[in-house]
Amino acid sequence: MDRVNASTPAAPSDDPARAAFAALRTPEGERLLAALRDHDPADELATATRLRRTHPAELVSAALGQARLRQRAVAKFGAEDAHRMYFTPNGVEQATRTSVAAHRAARFAGLGVRSVADLCCGIGGDAIALARAGIAVLAVDRDPLTAEVARANAEALGLAGLIEVRCADVTEIDTAPYHAVFVDPARRGGRGRIFDPEAYSPPLSWATAAALKAPRAALKIAPGIPHEAIGPEAEAEWISDGGDVKEAVLWYGEGFAPGAFRATLLPSGATLTAPAPLPAPPVGPVGRYLYEPDGAVIRAHLVADIVERCGGRLVDETIAYVTSDEPYSSPYVAGYEITDELPFNMKKLKALLREREVGVLTVKKRGSAVEPEELRRRMKLSGPGSATVFLTRVAGAPTMLIGHPLG
């Protein structure tokens, strides 16, 4: 296939954003960015004033803006990559973090995939992970500036030989030459997050049709997608990183399990899966131990699997807290030993915590409207002890469970 990467495309004079980005890629712009790597945003006004004595004001503004974006991107990409890459505000917000992109690339690579059409590539986060897994990538985005940023990132990280960037409408791309397709539809609009999958750009129905035409495919979707919106052809995977649910992926084609639900926990890579939705788990009284499933397990509707594994039950049919009478250890849950179960009552909780000299209180809640910070403020804590309180429902009744982490 023909390579379409250009070294540094000329920016039209009537597009200020592209002109500013082109200026950043000049030797002067790169020197400015290098000098701003560790600058303190609190000193930005003084820094701008100083730099404008020797550099054009427009270039200084663009460099300061890019330096802020790079600092924000460190959380997703790590300092080494983030300070070599380029970003747009939307690109930082919507890009896949490196750990999640690497997990997805590893699944493709493990199945022998050697080329991927990355549709709606954004600033190139997924394309970078795929290329680092040894996969050739066609990265497509319809926004000219975003495509230029993705191309610059491939070059900055030494991956231009594996990543071809094309500015085009993804619906017009022929994906037949590629071993797999990856689609990351835009899920934000002018008013914020988009929750209707058919309002994605492109719509989920189009992305699904594109996936079903490919030998293998992955669609990145919002983790809150209703399960009924997931077709039977897909294996659905929810991914958490450090305990926070980051995204969901629909996998299609050879090597995946249609209809299965999967929860994957990073950085460990632990994966829990079920071939189909499980029956509703039993509900019963609070035992000595309480388990809080990882968010990916909850999103994947695999709490019933945890109940079965620990020989326990739910505390309420609508609440994802699992309880048992025997201790249970698993990477998919955080475990606690419960010492007290009380009807919800602020005064009683305050008296109990004061009696036990609790100065450090962790507040967790499910099924309660009480805000943790407000509760801590009202408790007026002091003392050397610590405790965890769960604000929840037990058999439909507002309840407080007090305990401490296992281990």
Protein backbone atom coordinates (compact mmCIF):
# COMPACT_ATOMS: atom_id res chain seq x y z
CA MET A 1 0.00 0.00 0.00
CA ASP A 2 1.20 3.56 -0.59
CA ARG A 3 2.57 5.49 2.36
CA VAL A 4 0.94 8.88 2.82
CA ASN A 5 2.94 10.21 5.77
CA ALA A 6 4.37 13.64 5.15
CA SER A 7 7.22 15.04 7.19
CA THR A 8 5.52 18.25 8.32
CA PRO A 9 2.46 19.25 6.25
CA ALA A 10 2.15 22.93 5.51
CA ALA A 11 -0.62 24.58 7.49
CA PRO A 12 -3.10 26.78 5.63
CA SER A 13 -2.87 30.42 6.58
CA ASP A 14 -6.60 30.52 7.36
CA ASP A 15 -6.34 27.78 10.05
CA PRO A 16 -4.73 29.36 13.15
CA ALA A 17 -4.63 26.08 15.09
CA ARG A 18 -2.73 24.23 12.36
CA ALA A 19 -0.44 27.21 11.82
CA ALA A 20 0.36 27.29 15.55
CA PHE A 21 1.06 23.55 15.54
CA ALA A 22 3.34 23.87 12.51
CA ALA A 23 5.26 26.59 14.34
CA LEU A 24 5.79 24.27 17.31
CA ARG A 25 7.48 21.75 15.03
CA THR A 26 10.11 24.20 13.82
CA PRO A 27 13.55 24.11 15.52
CA GLU A 28 12.62 27.25 17.47
CA GLY A 29 9.32 25.74 18.61
CA GLU A 30 10.97 22.49 19.68
CA ARG A 31 13.59 24.39 21.70
CA LEU A 32 10.83 26.34 23.45
CA LEU A 33 8.95 23.16 24.31
CA ALA A 34 12.09 21.56 25.69
CA ALA A 35 12.73 24.61 27.87
CA LEU A 36 9.14 24.50 29.19
CA ARG A 37 9.16 20.82 30.16
CA ASP A 38 9.32 21.41 33.91
CA HIS A 39 7.82 24.88 34.10
CA ASP A 40 5.39 25.68 36.90
CA PRO A 41 1.93 26.65 35.56
CA ALA A 42 1.59 28.99 38.54
CA ASP A 43 4.42 31.09 37.06
CA GLU A 44 3.01 31.09 33.54
CA LEU A 45 2.43 34.84 33.31
CA ALA A 46 6.01 35.64 34.28
CA THR A 47 7.31 32.91 31.98
CA ALA A 48 5.28 34.23 29.04
CA THR A 49 6.50 37.77 29.63
CA ARG A 50 10.11 36.65 29.70
CA LEU A 51 9.86 34.44 26.61
CA ARG A 52 8.07 37.08 24.53
CA ARG A 53 11.17 39.24 24.70
CA THR A 54 12.98 36.81 22.42
CA HIS A 55 10.23 34.82 20.66
CA PRO A 56 7.03 35.71 18.75
CA ALA A 57 4.03 36.07 21.06
CA GLU A 58 1.96 33.57 19.06
CA LEU A 59 4.67 30.94 19.33
CA VAL A 60 5.06 31.50 23.08
CA SER A 61 1.31 31.09 23.59
CA ALA A 62 1.24 27.90 21.52
CA ALA A 63 4.25 26.48 23.37
CA LEU A 64 2.80 27.23 26.79
CA GLY A 65 -0.49 25.63 25.78
CA GLN A 66 1.29 22.52 24.50
CA ALA A 67 3.42 22.34 27.67
CA ARG A 68 0.23 22.32 29.78
CA LEU A 69 -1.22 19.51 27.66
CA ARG A 70 1.97 17.49 27.99
CA GLN A 71 1.89 17.81 31.75
CA ARG A 72 -1.73 16.62 31.79
CA ALA A 73 -0.83 13.72 29.49
CA VAL A 74 1.81 12.33 31.85
CA ALA A 75 -0.93 10.52 33.81
CA LYS A 76 -1.92 8.57 30.67
CA PHE A 77 1.31 8.23 28.75
CA GLY A 78 4.08 8.50 31.34
CA ALA A 79 6.61 11.34 31.47
CA GLU A 80 9.05 9.92 28.90
CA ASP A 81 6.47 9.68 26.11
CA ALA A 82 4.24 12.60 27.08
CA HIS A 83 7.06 15.15 26.88
CA ARG A 84 7.99 13.98 23.37
CA MET A 85 4.43 13.82 22.05
CA TYR A 86 1.99 16.47 20.85
CA PHE A 87 -1.60 16.88 21.97
CA THR A 88 -4.84 18.73 21.44
CA PRO A 89 -7.21 19.45 24.35
CA ASN A 90 -9.69 16.85 23.10
CA GLY A 91 -6.84 14.45 22.36
CA VAL A 92 -5.62 14.46 25.95
CA GLU A 93 -9.15 13.99 27.24
CA GLN A 94 -10.17 11.17 24.91
CA ALA A 95 -6.93 9.26 24.30
CA THR A 96 -6.56 5.75 25.68
CA ARG A 97 -4.03 5.49 28.48
CA THR A 98 -0.93 3.51 27.59
CA SER A 99 -1.62 0.55 29.91
CA VAL A 100 -5.07 -0.07 28.40
CA ALA A 101 -3.91 0.43 24.81
CA ALA A 102 -1.01 -1.97 25.40
CA HIS A 103 -3.39 -4.62 26.77
CA ARG A 104 -5.58 -4.36 23.70
CA ALA A 105 -2.59 -4.44 21.35
CA ALA A 106 -1.28 -7.55 23.13
CA ARG A 107 -4.59 -9.36 22.57
CA PHE A 108 -4.41 -8.60 18.86
CA ALA A 109 -0.73 -9.55 18.63
CA GLY A 110 -1.33 -12.79 20.52
CA LEU A 111 -3.76 -13.86 17.81
CA GLY A 112 -1.26 -13.25 15.05
CA VAL A 113 -2.65 -9.89 13.88
CA ARG A 114 0.05 -8.02 11.94
CA SER A 115 -1.90 -5.09 10.46
CA VAL A 116 -4.75 -2.98 11.85
CA ALA A 117 -6.91 -0.22 10.42
CA ASP A 118 -7.27 2.20 13.35
CA LEU A 119 -10.38 4.24 12.57
CA CYS A 120 -10.94 7.51 14.49
CA CYS A 121 -7.32 7.36 15.65
CA GLY A 122 -7.27 10.69 17.50
CA ILE A 123 -3.77 11.75 18.51
CA GLY A 124 -2.55 8.18 18.01
CA GLY A 125 -2.46 6.58 21.46
CA ASP A 126 -3.76 3.22 20.27
CA ALA A 127 -1.76 3.31 17.05
CA ILE A 128 1.41 3.77 19.12
CA ALA A 129 0.61 0.75 21.32
CA LEU A 130 -0.20 -1.38 18.27
CA ALA A 131 3.03 -0.39 16.54
CA ARG A 132 5.06 -1.15 19.66
CA ALA A 133 3.51 -4.63 19.57
CA GLY A 134 4.95 -5.06 16.08
CA ILE A 135 1.70 -4.35 14.22
CA ALA A 136 1.53 -2.15 11.10
CA VAL A 137 -1.19 0.50 11.48
CA LEU A 138 -3.27 2.63 9.17
CA ALA A 139 -4.39 5.47 11.47
CA VAL A 140 -7.33 7.48 10.16
CA ASP A 141 -8.95 10.66 11.45
CA ARG A 142 -11.08 13.15 9.56
CA ASP A 143 -9.83 16.22 11.43
CA PRO A 144 -6.74 17.67 9.68
CA LEU A 145 -5.08 18.99 12.84
CA THR A 146 -5.67 15.74 14.75
CA ALA A 147 -4.21 13.73 11.87
CA GLU A 148 -1.14 15.99 11.83
CA VAL A 149 -0.71 15.50 15.58
CA ALA A 150 -0.97 11.71 15.21
CA ARG A 151 1.64 11.80 12.44
CA ALA A 152 3.94 13.95 14.56
CA ASN A 153 3.60 11.52 17.47
CA ALA A 154 4.50 8.54 15.30
CA GLU A 155 7.61 10.39 14.18
CA ALA A 156 8.52 11.64 17.67
CA LEU A 157 8.44 8.09 19.07
CA GLY A 158 10.30 6.52 16.17
CA LEU A 159 7.27 4.61 14.88
CA ALA A 160 6.65 6.31 11.54
CA GLY A 161 7.78 3.17 9.73
CA LEU A 162 4.84 1.23 11.20
CA ILE A 163 2.16 3.93 11.39
CA GLU A 164 0.62 5.43 8.27
CA VAL A 165 -1.60 8.41 9.08
CA ARG A 166 -4.39 9.42 6.74
CA CYS A 167 -6.79 12.36 7.04
CA ALA A 168 -10.06 10.96 5.74
CA ASP A 169 -13.63 10.03 6.56
CA VAL A 170 -13.40 6.60 8.19
CA THR A 171 -16.59 5.47 6.47
CA GLU A 172 -14.77 5.71 3.13
CA ILE A 173 -11.76 3.56 4.11
CA ASP A 174 -11.30 0.13 2.54
CA THR A 175 -10.29 -2.09 5.45
CA ALA A 176 -10.13 -5.32 3.43
CA PRO A 177 -6.29 -5.39 3.23
CA TYR A 178 -5.93 -5.39 7.03
CA HIS A 179 -5.92 -8.31 9.47
CA ALA A 180 -8.09 -6.40 11.95
CA VAL A 181 -10.07 -3.22 12.49
CA PHE A 182 -10.11 -1.02 15.57
CA VAL A 183 -12.78 1.68 15.91
CA ASP A 184 -12.85 4.35 18.61
CA PRO A 185 -15.96 6.45 17.89
CA ALA A 186 -16.13 9.97 19.30
CA ARG A 187 -18.28 9.93 22.42
CA ARG A 188 -18.21 13.63 23.19
CA GLY A 189 -20.14 16.45 21.55
CA GLY A 190 -20.59 20.14 22.08
CA ARG A 191 -22.56 19.45 25.26
CA GLY A 192 -20.23 16.88 26.80
CA ARG A 193 -20.43 13.10 26.96
CA ILE A 194 -22.72 11.23 24.58
CA PHE A 195 -24.56 8.31 26.16
CA ASP A 196 -26.62 7.09 23.19
CA PRO A 197 -24.40 4.69 21.18
CA GLU A 198 -26.19 5.69 18.00
CA ALA A 199 -25.14 9.29 18.63
CA TYR A 200 -21.45 8.31 18.60
CA SER A 201 -19.47 9.56 15.61
CA PRO A 202 -19.60 7.25 13.71
CA PRO A 203 -22.66 5.50 15.21
CA LEU A 204 -22.19 2.16 16.98
CA SER A 205 -24.30 0.44 14.32
CA TRP A 206 -21.86 1.54 11.60
CA ALA A 207 -18.85 0.53 13.71
CA THR A 208 -20.41 -2.89 14.38
CA ALA A 209 -21.07 -3.45 10.68
CA ALA A 210 -17.44 -2.52 9.91
CA ALA A 211 -16.25 -4.91 12.61
CA LEU A 212 -18.29 -7.82 11.29
CA LYS A 213 -16.71 -7.42 7.85
CA ALA A 214 -13.19 -7.84 9.25
CA PRO A 215 -11.46 -11.09 10.24
CA ARG A 216 -11.04 -9.60 13.73
CA ALA A 217 -12.09 -6.30 15.25
CA ALA A 218 -12.33 -4.28 18.44
CA LEU A 219 -14.69 -1.40 19.20
CA LYS A 220 -13.93 0.94 22.09
CA ILE A 221 -17.14 2.00 23.84
CA ALA A 222 -18.20 3.77 27.02
CA PRO A 223 -18.13 1.45 30.05
CA GLY A 224 -21.69 2.43 30.93
CA ILE A 225 -23.16 1.02 27.72
CA PRO A 226 -26.39 -0.91 28.36
CA HIS A 227 -25.84 -4.64 27.97
CA GLU A 228 -28.85 -4.88 25.71
CA ALA A 229 -27.03 -2.63 23.21
CA ILE A 230 -24.31 -5.29 22.81
CA GLY A 231 -24.99 -7.72 20.00
CA PRO A 232 -24.58 -11.49 20.44
CA GLU A 233 -21.64 -11.55 18.01
CA ALA A 234 -19.39 -9.64 20.41
CA GLU A 235 -17.23 -10.61 23.35
CA ALA A 236 -17.59 -7.69 25.77
CA GLU A 237 -14.64 -6.74 27.97
CA TRP A 238 -14.57 -4.12 30.72
CA ILE A 239 -11.12 -2.89 31.74
CA SER A 240 -10.10 -1.23 34.98
CA ASP A 241 -6.69 0.22 35.77
CA GLY A 242 -5.66 0.70 39.38
CA GLY A 243 -9.26 0.03 40.44
CA ASP A 244 -10.83 2.64 38.12
CA VAL A 245 -12.94 1.44 35.19
CA LYS A 246 -11.46 3.01 32.07
CA GLU A 247 -13.35 1.59 29.13
CA ALA A 248 -15.20 -1.27 27.53
CA VAL A 249 -14.24 -3.09 24.34
CA LEU A 250 -16.32 -5.22 22.01
CA TRP A 251 -14.26 -7.94 20.32
CA TYR A 252 -15.31 -9.68 17.11
CA GLY A 253 -13.98 -12.53 15.03
CA GLU A 254 -11.75 -15.56 15.34
CA GLY A 255 -10.17 -16.04 18.75
CA PHE A 256 -12.89 -14.27 20.72
CA ALA A 257 -15.96 -15.67 22.49
CA PRO A 258 -19.26 -14.29 21.14
CA GLY A 259 -21.73 -13.52 23.92
CA ALA A 260 -19.13 -13.74 26.69
CA PHE A 261 -18.57 -11.04 29.31
CA ARG A 262 -15.07 -10.36 30.61
CA ALA A 263 -13.56 -8.15 33.33
CA THR A 264 -9.85 -7.37 33.12
CA LEU A 265 -7.87 -5.71 35.89
CA LEU A 266 -4.71 -3.78 35.13
CA PRO A 267 -1.85 -3.67 35.83
CA SER A 268 -2.04 -7.33 36.96
CA GLY A 269 -3.86 -8.52 33.83
CA ALA A 270 -6.18 -10.74 35.91
CA THR A 271 -9.23 -11.65 33.84
CA LEU A 272 -12.59 -12.98 34.97
CA THR A 273 -14.96 -14.25 32.30
CA ALA A 274 -18.32 -15.93 31.93
CA PRO A 275 -19.73 -17.44 28.73
CA ALA A 276 -23.17 -15.90 29.31
CA PRO A 277 -25.09 -13.87 31.91
CA LEU A 278 -25.26 -15.72 35.22
CA PRO A 279 -28.46 -16.25 37.24
CA ALA A 280 -29.29 -13.79 39.99
CA PRO A 281 -27.22 -14.54 43.12
CA PRO A 282 -28.81 -15.22 46.53
CA VAL A 283 -29.44 -12.43 49.04
CA GLY A 284 -28.96 -12.83 52.78
CA PRO A 285 -27.80 -11.32 56.07
CA VAL A 286 -24.45 -9.62 56.51
CA GLY A 287 -21.77 -12.09 57.55
CA ARG A 288 -18.41 -11.52 59.14
CA TYR A 289 -16.80 -10.53 55.83
CA LEU A 290 -17.75 -8.03 53.14
CA TYR A 291 -16.34 -7.91 49.61
CA GLU A 292 -16.31 -4.95 47.26
CA PRO A 293 -15.96 -6.18 43.65
CA ASP A 294 -13.76 -4.25 41.24
CA GLY A 295 -15.72 -1.84 39.05
CA ALA A 296 -14.95 -3.86 35.92
CA VAL A 297 -16.51 -6.94 37.54
CA ILE A 298 -19.63 -4.93 38.36
CA ARG A 299 -19.89 -3.41 34.86
CA ALA A 300 -19.49 -6.85 33.30
CA HIS A 301 -22.34 -8.20 35.48
CA LEU A 302 -20.00 -10.80 36.99
CA VAL A 303 -20.80 -10.17 40.66
CA ALA A 304 -22.78 -13.42 40.68
CA ASP A 305 -19.55 -15.21 39.79
CA ILE A 306 -17.86 -13.70 42.87
CA VAL A 307 -20.80 -14.79 45.04
CA GLU A 308 -20.45 -18.33 43.75
CA ARG A 309 -16.68 -18.42 44.22
CA CYS A 310 -16.76 -17.23 47.84
CA GLY A 311 -19.87 -19.20 48.81
CA GLY A 312 -21.56 -15.98 49.85
CA ARG A 313 -24.54 -13.80 49.06
CA LEU A 314 -25.52 -10.21 48.31
CA VAL A 315 -26.49 -7.89 51.17
CA ASP A 316 -29.28 -6.49 48.96
CA GLU A 317 -30.54 -7.55 45.55
CA THR A 318 -29.76 -4.09 44.11
CA ILE A 319 -26.35 -3.54 45.75
CA ALA A 320 -23.02 -4.98 44.56
CA TYR A 321 -21.65 -5.80 48.02
CA VAL A 322 -20.96 -9.49 48.64
CA THR A 323 -20.86 -11.00 52.12
CA SER A 324 -19.77 -14.36 53.52
CA ASP A 325 -19.06 -16.08 56.82
CA GLU A 326 -15.58 -17.25 55.78
CA PRO A 327 -12.64 -15.18 54.49
CA TYR A 328 -12.07 -15.11 50.74
CA SER A 329 -9.09 -13.75 48.80
CA SER A 330 -9.27 -12.74 45.16
CA PRO A 331 -7.75 -10.07 42.88
CA TYR A 332 -11.30 -9.18 41.83
CA VAL A 333 -12.46 -7.92 45.23
CA ALA A 334 -11.34 -5.83 48.17
CA GLY A 335 -12.17 -7.67 51.41
CA TYR A 336 -13.18 -6.30 54.81
CA GLU A 337 -13.94 -7.78 58.20
CA ILE A 338 -17.17 -6.30 59.56
CA THR A 339 -17.36 -5.51 63.27
CA ASP A 340 -20.67 -3.63 63.45
CA GLU A 341 -23.97 -3.41 61.60
CA LEU A 342 -26.22 -0.46 62.52
CA PRO A 343 -29.35 1.15 61.11
CA PHE A 344 -28.39 4.43 59.48
CA ASN A 345 -28.05 7.01 62.25
CA MET A 346 -25.43 9.79 62.27
CA LYS A 347 -25.50 10.27 66.05
CA LYS A 348 -24.95 6.57 66.75
CA LEU A 349 -22.09 6.43 64.27
CA LYS A 350 -20.44 9.50 65.79
CA ALA A 351 -20.71 8.03 69.30
CA LEU A 352 -19.26 4.69 68.21
CA LEU A 353 -16.32 6.30 66.41
CA ARG A 354 -15.59 8.56 69.38
CA GLU A 355 -15.71 5.60 71.77
CA ARG A 356 -13.16 3.75 69.60
CA GLU A 357 -10.96 6.85 69.14
CA VAL A 358 -11.19 6.72 65.36
CA GLY A 359 -9.28 9.58 63.76
CA VAL A 360 -9.05 8.23 60.21
CA LEU A 361 -12.29 7.16 58.55
CA THR A 362 -12.66 5.69 55.08
CA VAL A 363 -16.21 6.12 53.78
CA LYS A 364 -17.61 3.91 51.02
CA LYS A 365 -21.15 3.98 49.76
CA ARG A 366 -23.55 2.22 47.45
CA GLY A 367 -27.24 2.99 47.51
CA SER A 368 -26.82 6.00 49.81
CA ALA A 369 -27.22 9.71 49.06
CA VAL A 370 -24.85 10.79 51.83
CA GLU A 371 -21.61 12.39 50.60
CA PRO A 372 -18.46 10.93 52.21
CA GLU A 373 -16.83 14.32 52.81
CA GLU A 374 -19.95 15.65 54.52
CA LEU A 375 -20.12 12.58 56.76
CA ARG A 376 -16.46 12.91 57.77
CA ARG A 377 -16.96 16.59 58.55
CA ARG A 378 -19.93 15.87 60.81
CA MET A 379 -18.10 13.10 62.68
CA LYS A 380 -15.41 15.54 64.02
CA LEU A 381 -12.90 12.71 64.17
CA SER A 382 -9.94 12.52 66.53
CA GLY A 383 -7.79 9.72 67.88
CA PRO A 384 -5.19 7.16 66.77
CA GLY A 385 -7.62 4.56 65.38
CA SER A 386 -8.93 3.96 61.88
CA ALA A 387 -12.05 2.36 60.44
CA THR A 388 -14.04 1.89 57.26
CA VAL A 389 -17.76 2.61 57.14
CA PHE A 390 -20.05 1.38 54.37
CA LEU A 391 -23.23 3.38 53.76
CA THR A 392 -25.56 1.06 51.94
CA ARG A 393 -28.80 -0.89 52.05
CA VAL A 394 -29.26 -4.29 53.62
CA ALA A 395 -32.47 -6.02 52.61
CA GLY A 396 -33.78 -2.64 51.50
CA ALA A 397 -33.05 -0.79 54.76
CA PRO A 398 -30.47 2.04 55.01
CA THR A 399 -27.57 0.55 56.96
CA MET A 400 -24.09 1.36 58.26
CA LEU A 401 -21.47 -1.39 58.26
CA ILE A 402 -18.22 -0.71 60.13
CA GLY A 403 -15.05 -2.73 59.72
CA HIS A 404 -11.47 -2.76 58.46
CA PRO A 405 -9.62 -4.10 55.42
CA LEU A 406 -8.50 -7.72 55.44
CA GLY A 407 -4.76 -8.23 55.49
